[in-house]
Amino acid sequence: MEKEQIARINELARKKKTVGLSEAEAEEQAQLRAQYLREFRANMEATLQAVRVEQADGTYKPLVKREKLN
């Protein structure tokens, strides 16, 4: 995500706290936040896939994604 987009997210958040947002601005804010979260999650997933955990015998194994607990 570009710096300008992050700055716009912050600008809209400040405006929402002070004077409120129009419908168009609220929709823009929702879209920007959704894009930010998608990109953040993709980056975090890539980082976690690169992590290796050292086992007791000295070998390294990749992290395994757990199933969600209900």
PDB file of N, CA and C in Angstrom:
ATOM      1  N   MET A   1       0.853  -1.166   0.000  1.00  0.00           N
ATOM      2  CA  MET A   1       0.000   0.000   0.000  1.00  0.00           C
ATOM      3  C   MET A   1       0.902   1.233   0.000  1.00  0.00           C
ATOM      4  N   GLU A   2       0.547   2.190  -0.796  1.00  0.00           N
ATOM      5  CA  GLU A   2       1.362   3.389  -0.930  1.00  0.00           C
ATOM      6  C   GLU A   2       1.157   4.334   0.254  1.00  0.00           C
ATOM      7  N   LYS A   3       2.165   5.162   0.495  1.00  0.00           N
ATOM      8  CA  LYS A   3       2.109   6.103   1.613  1.00  0.00           C
ATOM      9  C   LYS A   3       0.925   7.056   1.485  1.00  0.00           C
ATOM     10  N   GLU A   4       0.599   7.437   0.252  1.00  0.00           N
ATOM     11  CA  GLU A   4      -0.516   8.345   0.039  1.00  0.00           C
ATOM     12  C   GLU A   4      -1.834   7.721   0.487  1.00  0.00           C
ATOM     13  N   GLN A   5      -1.984   6.420   0.240  1.00  0.00           N
ATOM     14  CA  GLN A   5      -3.207   5.727   0.643  1.00  0.00           C
ATOM     15  C   GLN A   5      -3.301   5.639   2.169  1.00  0.00           C
ATOM     16  N   ILE A   6      -2.198   5.360   2.819  1.00  0.00           N
ATOM     17  CA  ILE A   6      -2.193   5.295   4.282  1.00  0.00           C
ATOM     18  C   ILE A   6      -2.482   6.674   4.857  1.00  0.00           C
ATOM     19  N   ALA A   7      -1.898   7.707   4.255  1.00  0.00           N
ATOM     20  CA  ALA A   7      -2.168   9.074   4.704  1.00  0.00           C
ATOM     21  C   ALA A   7      -3.654   9.398   4.540  1.00  0.00           C
ATOM     22  N   ARG A   8      -4.264   8.931   3.452  1.00  0.00           N
ATOM     23  CA  ARG A   8      -5.691   9.188   3.229  1.00  0.00           C
ATOM     24  C   ARG A   8      -6.545   8.464   4.278  1.00  0.00           C
ATOM     25  N   ILE A   9      -6.167   7.240   4.626  1.00  0.00           N
ATOM     26  CA  ILE A   9      -6.880   6.500   5.683  1.00  0.00           C
ATOM     27  C   ILE A   9      -6.836   7.312   6.977  1.00  0.00           C
ATOM     28  N   ASN A  10      -5.663   7.798   7.323  1.00  0.00           N
ATOM     29  CA  ASN A  10      -5.510   8.573   8.558  1.00  0.00           C
ATOM     30  C   ASN A  10      -6.275   9.884   8.502  1.00  0.00           C
ATOM     31  N   GLU A  11      -6.250  10.533   7.341  1.00  0.00           N
ATOM     32  CA  GLU A  11      -6.985  11.780   7.166  1.00  0.00           C
ATOM     33  C   GLU A  11      -8.484  11.556   7.361  1.00  0.00           C
ATOM     34  N   LEU A  12      -9.001  10.491   6.767  1.00  0.00           N
ATOM     35  CA  LEU A  12     -10.429  10.191   6.918  1.00  0.00           C
ATOM     36  C   LEU A  12     -10.776   9.833   8.357  1.00  0.00           C
ATOM     37  N   ALA A  13      -9.884   9.141   9.050  1.00  0.00           N
ATOM     38  CA  ALA A  13     -10.130   8.788  10.453  1.00  0.00           C
ATOM     39  C   ALA A  13     -10.203  10.043  11.312  1.00  0.00           C
ATOM     40  N   ARG A  14      -9.284  10.981  11.077  1.00  0.00           N
ATOM     41  CA  ARG A  14      -9.314  12.239  11.840  1.00  0.00           C
ATOM     42  C   ARG A  14     -10.587  13.025  11.544  1.00  0.00           C
ATOM     43  N   LYS A  15     -10.978  13.067  10.267  1.00  0.00           N
ATOM     44  CA  LYS A  15     -12.172  13.808   9.890  1.00  0.00           C
ATOM     45  C   LYS A  15     -13.417  13.172  10.508  1.00  0.00           C
ATOM     46  N   LYS A  16     -13.445  11.838  10.554  1.00  0.00           N
ATOM     47  CA  LYS A  16     -14.593  11.142  11.140  1.00  0.00           C
ATOM     48  C   LYS A  16     -14.765  11.514  12.608  1.00  0.00           C
ATOM     49  N   LYS A  17     -13.642  11.663  13.317  1.00  0.00           N
ATOM     50  CA  LYS A  17     -13.695  12.012  14.738  1.00  0.00           C
ATOM     51  C   LYS A  17     -14.136  13.454  14.958  1.00  0.00           C
ATOM     52  N   THR A  18     -13.817  14.333  14.020  1.00  0.00           N
ATOM     53  CA  THR A  18     -14.101  15.751  14.240  1.00  0.00           C
ATOM     54  C   THR A  18     -15.442  16.177  13.648  1.00  0.00           C
ATOM     55  N   VAL A  19     -15.589  16.076  12.324  1.00  0.00           N
ATOM     56  CA  VAL A  19     -16.799  16.605  11.683  1.00  0.00           C
ATOM     57  C   VAL A  19     -17.684  15.541  11.059  1.00  0.00           C
ATOM     58  N   GLY A  20     -17.194  14.331  10.969  1.00  0.00           N
ATOM     59  CA  GLY A  20     -17.979  13.265  10.357  1.00  0.00           C
ATOM     60  C   GLY A  20     -17.666  13.118   8.878  1.00  0.00           C
ATOM     61  N   LEU A  21     -18.100  12.012   8.312  1.00  0.00           N
ATOM     62  CA  LEU A  21     -17.821  11.702   6.912  1.00  0.00           C
ATOM     63  C   LEU A  21     -19.105  11.683   6.102  1.00  0.00           C
ATOM     64  N   SER A  22     -18.972  12.054   4.830  1.00  0.00           N
ATOM     65  CA  SER A  22     -20.097  11.899   3.914  1.00  0.00           C
ATOM     66  C   SER A  22     -20.198  10.419   3.555  1.00  0.00           C
ATOM     67  N   GLU A  23     -21.270  10.047   2.883  1.00  0.00           N
ATOM     68  CA  GLU A  23     -21.424   8.642   2.472  1.00  0.00           C
ATOM     69  C   GLU A  23     -20.285   8.201   1.569  1.00  0.00           C
ATOM     70  N   ALA A  24     -19.897   9.061   0.642  1.00  0.00           N
ATOM     71  CA  ALA A  24     -18.816   8.730  -0.296  1.00  0.00           C
ATOM     72  C   ALA A  24     -17.492   8.548   0.448  1.00  0.00           C
ATOM     73  N   GLU A  25     -17.238   9.409   1.425  1.00  0.00           N
ATOM     74  CA  GLU A  25     -16.001   9.301   2.196  1.00  0.00           C
ATOM     75  C   GLU A  25     -16.009   8.046   3.067  1.00  0.00           C
ATOM     76  N   ALA A  26     -17.150   7.710   3.640  1.00  0.00           N
ATOM     77  CA  ALA A  26     -17.250   6.503   4.454  1.00  0.00           C
ATOM     78  C   ALA A  26     -16.991   5.266   3.602  1.00  0.00           C
ATOM     79  N   GLU A  27     -17.525   5.247   2.386  1.00  0.00           N
ATOM     80  CA  GLU A  27     -17.303   4.131   1.478  1.00  0.00           C
ATOM     81  C   GLU A  27     -15.823   4.047   1.086  1.00  0.00           C
ATOM     82  N   GLU A  28     -15.217   5.200   0.798  1.00  0.00           N
ATOM     83  CA  GLU A  28     -13.788   5.236   0.460  1.00  0.00           C
ATOM     84  C   GLU A  28     -12.953   4.706   1.622  1.00  0.00           C
ATOM     85  N   GLN A  29     -13.309   5.126   2.839  1.00  0.00           N
ATOM     86  CA  GLN A  29     -12.585   4.676   4.025  1.00  0.00           C
ATOM     87  C   GLN A  29     -12.700   3.163   4.185  1.00  0.00           C
ATOM     88  N   ALA A  30     -13.884   2.632   3.988  1.00  0.00           N
ATOM     89  CA  ALA A  30     -14.085   1.183   4.116  1.00  0.00           C
ATOM     90  C   ALA A  30     -13.263   0.428   3.074  1.00  0.00           C
ATOM     91  N   GLN A  31     -13.232   0.929   1.840  1.00  0.00           N
ATOM     92  CA  GLN A  31     -12.462   0.269   0.786  1.00  0.00           C
ATOM     93  C   GLN A  31     -10.965   0.316   1.075  1.00  0.00           C
ATOM     94  N   LEU A  32     -10.481   1.477   1.520  1.00  0.00           N
ATOM     95  CA  LEU A  32      -9.058   1.608   1.830  1.00  0.00           C
ATOM     96  C   LEU A  32      -8.655   0.710   2.996  1.00  0.00           C
ATOM     97  N   ARG A  33      -9.498   0.653   4.015  1.00  0.00           N
ATOM     98  CA  ARG A  33      -9.199  -0.212   5.163  1.00  0.00           C
ATOM     99  C   ARG A  33      -9.191  -1.686   4.760  1.00  0.00           C
ATOM    100  N   ALA A  34     -10.149  -2.083   3.927  1.00  0.00           N
ATOM    101  CA  ALA A  34     -10.200  -3.475   3.473  1.00  0.00           C
ATOM    102  C   ALA A  34      -8.951  -3.821   2.669  1.00  0.00           C
ATOM    103  N   GLN A  35      -8.523  -2.916   1.808  1.00  0.00           N
ATOM    104  CA  GLN A  35      -7.308  -3.153   1.023  1.00  0.00           C
ATOM    105  C   GLN A  35      -6.090  -3.251   1.935  1.00  0.00           C
ATOM    106  N   TYR A  36      -6.013  -2.351   2.922  1.00  0.00           N
ATOM    107  CA  TYR A  36      -4.902  -2.371   3.869  1.00  0.00           C
ATOM    108  C   TYR A  36      -4.850  -3.707   4.615  1.00  0.00           C
ATOM    109  N   LEU A  37      -5.993  -4.181   5.087  1.00  0.00           N
ATOM    110  CA  LEU A  37      -6.034  -5.443   5.821  1.00  0.00           C
ATOM    111  C   LEU A  37      -5.654  -6.631   4.947  1.00  0.00           C
ATOM    112  N   ARG A  38      -6.130  -6.639   3.687  1.00  0.00           N
ATOM    113  CA  ARG A  38      -5.756  -7.722   2.763  1.00  0.00           C
ATOM    114  C   ARG A  38      -4.236  -7.777   2.578  1.00  0.00           C
ATOM    115  N   GLU A  39      -3.652  -6.624   2.348  1.00  0.00           N
ATOM    116  CA  GLU A  39      -2.207  -6.568   2.125  1.00  0.00           C
ATOM    117  C   GLU A  39      -1.434  -6.916   3.392  1.00  0.00           C
ATOM    118  N   PHE A  40      -1.900  -6.439   4.549  1.00  0.00           N
ATOM    119  CA  PHE A  40      -1.249  -6.758   5.813  1.00  0.00           C
ATOM    120  C   PHE A  40      -1.274  -8.263   6.065  1.00  0.00           C
ATOM    121  N   ARG A  41      -2.434  -8.876   5.865  1.00  0.00           N
ATOM    122  CA  ARG A  41      -2.569 -10.318   6.103  1.00  0.00           C
ATOM    123  C   ARG A  41      -1.702 -11.124   5.140  1.00  0.00           C
ATOM    124  N   ALA A  42      -1.629 -10.696   3.885  1.00  0.00           N
ATOM    125  CA  ALA A  42      -0.786 -11.394   2.905  1.00  0.00           C
ATOM    126  C   ALA A  42       0.688 -11.301   3.306  1.00  0.00           C
ATOM    127  N   ASN A  43       1.121 -10.118   3.749  1.00  0.00           N
ATOM    128  CA  ASN A  43       2.508  -9.955   4.190  1.00  0.00           C
ATOM    129  C   ASN A  43       2.799 -10.791   5.428  1.00  0.00           C
ATOM    130  N   MET A  44       1.860 -10.828   6.364  1.00  0.00           N
ATOM    131  CA  MET A  44       2.061 -11.616   7.577  1.00  0.00           C
ATOM    132  C   MET A  44       2.121 -13.108   7.247  1.00  0.00           C
ATOM    133  N   GLU A  45       1.260 -13.554   6.347  1.00  0.00           N
ATOM    134  CA  GLU A  45       1.262 -14.962   5.928  1.00  0.00           C
ATOM    135  C   GLU A  45       2.604 -15.321   5.300  1.00  0.00           C
ATOM    136  N   ALA A  46       3.135 -14.454   4.437  1.00  0.00           N
ATOM    137  CA  ALA A  46       4.433 -14.702   3.803  1.00  0.00           C
ATOM    138  C   ALA A  46       5.547 -14.762   4.843  1.00  0.00           C
ATOM    139  N   THR A  47       5.482 -13.884   5.825  1.00  0.00           N
ATOM    140  CA  THR A  47       6.485 -13.879   6.891  1.00  0.00           C
ATOM    141  C   THR A  47       6.423 -15.177   7.684  1.00  0.00           C
ATOM    142  N   LEU A  48       5.227 -15.591   8.043  1.00  0.00           N
ATOM    143  CA  LEU A  48       5.082 -16.816   8.838  1.00  0.00           C
ATOM    144  C   LEU A  48       5.477 -18.059   8.056  1.00  0.00           C
ATOM    145  N   GLN A  49       5.282 -18.048   6.751  1.00  0.00           N
ATOM    146  CA  GLN A  49       5.690 -19.191   5.937  1.00  0.00           C
ATOM    147  C   GLN A  49       7.209 -19.325   5.885  1.00  0.00           C
ATOM    148  N   ALA A  50       7.919 -18.224   6.100  1.00  0.00           N
ATOM    149  CA  ALA A  50       9.374 -18.253   6.077  1.00  0.00           C
ATOM    150  C   ALA A  50       9.972 -18.672   7.420  1.00  0.00           C
ATOM    151  N   VAL A  51       9.171 -18.717   8.474  1.00  0.00           N
ATOM    152  CA  VAL A  51       9.658 -19.055   9.815  1.00  0.00           C
ATOM    153  C   VAL A  51       9.905 -20.558   9.910  1.00  0.00           C
ATOM    154  N   ARG A  52      11.025 -20.890  10.497  1.00  0.00           N
ATOM    155  CA  ARG A  52      11.357 -22.284  10.761  1.00  0.00           C
ATOM    156  C   ARG A  52      11.592 -22.429  12.258  1.00  0.00           C
ATOM    157  N   VAL A  53      11.086 -23.515  12.841  1.00  0.00           N
ATOM    158  CA  VAL A  53      11.186 -23.747  14.284  1.00  0.00           C
ATOM    159  C   VAL A  53      12.207 -24.855  14.518  1.00  0.00           C
ATOM    160  N   GLU A  54      13.167 -24.558  15.394  1.00  0.00           N
ATOM    161  CA  GLU A  54      14.191 -25.553  15.697  1.00  0.00           C
ATOM    162  C   GLU A  54      13.602 -26.619  16.616  1.00  0.00           C
ATOM    163  N   GLN A  55      13.800 -27.858  16.236  1.00  0.00           N
ATOM    164  CA  GLN A  55      13.316 -28.986  17.022  1.00  0.00           C
ATOM    165  C   GLN A  55      14.378 -29.400  18.044  1.00  0.00           C
ATOM    166  N   ALA A  56      14.023 -30.268  18.970  1.00  0.00           N
ATOM    167  CA  ALA A  56      14.941 -30.711  20.015  1.00  0.00           C
ATOM    168  C   ALA A  56      16.173 -31.407  19.436  1.00  0.00           C
ATOM    169  N   ASP A  57      16.014 -32.072  18.285  1.00  0.00           N
ATOM    170  CA  ASP A  57      17.147 -32.779  17.689  1.00  0.00           C
ATOM    171  C   ASP A  57      18.012 -31.876  16.807  1.00  0.00           C
ATOM    172  N   GLY A  58      17.706 -30.581  16.749  1.00  0.00           N
ATOM    173  CA  GLY A  58      18.516 -29.631  15.994  1.00  0.00           C
ATOM    174  C   GLY A  58      18.038 -29.377  14.578  1.00  0.00           C
ATOM    175  N   THR A  59      17.020 -30.097  14.128  1.00  0.00           N
ATOM    176  CA  THR A  59      16.490 -29.870  12.789  1.00  0.00           C
ATOM    177  C   THR A  59      15.497 -28.705  12.824  1.00  0.00           C
ATOM    178  N   TYR A  60      15.177 -28.200  11.667  1.00  0.00           N
ATOM    179  CA  TYR A  60      14.234 -27.096  11.557  1.00  0.00           C
ATOM    180  C   TYR A  60      13.030 -27.543  10.754  1.00  0.00           C
ATOM    181  N   LYS A  61      11.849 -27.188  11.241  1.00  0.00           N
ATOM    182  CA  LYS A  61      10.620 -27.520  10.541  1.00  0.00           C
ATOM    183  C   LYS A  61       9.798 -26.245  10.368  1.00  0.00           C
ATOM    184  N   PRO A  62       9.056 -26.147   9.252  1.00  0.00           N
ATOM    185  CA  PRO A  62       8.224 -24.952   9.048  1.00  0.00           C
ATOM    186  C   PRO A  62       7.039 -24.944  10.008  1.00  0.00           C
ATOM    187  N   LEU A  63       6.529 -23.742  10.248  1.00  0.00           N
ATOM    188  CA  LEU A  63       5.321 -23.631  11.055  1.00  0.00           C
ATOM    189  C   LEU A  63       4.168 -24.310  10.329  1.00  0.00           C
ATOM    190  N   VAL A  64       3.273 -24.898  11.087  1.00  0.00           N
ATOM    191  CA  VAL A  64       2.102 -25.541  10.513  1.00  0.00           C
ATOM    192  C   VAL A  64       0.878 -24.758  10.989  1.00  0.00           C
ATOM    193  N   LYS A  65       0.034 -24.408  10.058  1.00  0.00           N
ATOM    194  CA  LYS A  65      -1.169 -23.644  10.382  1.00  0.00           C
ATOM    195  C   LYS A  65      -2.154 -24.541  11.126  1.00  0.00           C
ATOM    196  N   ARG A  66      -2.583 -24.086  12.308  1.00  0.00           N
ATOM    197  CA  ARG A  66      -3.549 -24.854  13.097  1.00  0.00           C
ATOM    198  C   ARG A  66      -4.952 -24.597  12.601  1.00  0.00           C
ATOM    199  N   GLU A  67      -5.800 -25.551  12.851  1.00  0.00           N
ATOM    200  CA  GLU A  67      -7.225 -25.370  12.574  1.00  0.00           C
ATOM    201  C   GLU A  67      -7.803 -24.420  13.616  1.00  0.00           C
ATOM    202  N   LYS A  68      -8.805 -23.664  13.229  1.00  0.00           N
ATOM    203  CA  LYS A  68      -9.440 -22.755  14.164  1.00  0.00           C
ATOM    204  C   LYS A  68     -10.159 -23.537  15.245  1.00  0.00           C
ATOM    205  N   LEU A  69     -10.066 -23.026  16.471  1.00  0.00           N
ATOM    206  CA  LEU A  69     -10.800 -23.631  17.578  1.00  0.00           C
ATOM    207  C   LEU A  69     -12.187 -23.018  17.633  1.00  0.00           C
ATOM    208  N   ASN A  70     -13.199 -23.821  17.845  1.00  0.00           N
ATOM    209  CA  ASN A  70     -14.582 -23.291  17.902  1.00  0.00           C
ATOM    210  C   ASN A  70     -14.935 -22.836  19.260  1.00  0.00           C
TER     211      ASN A  70
END
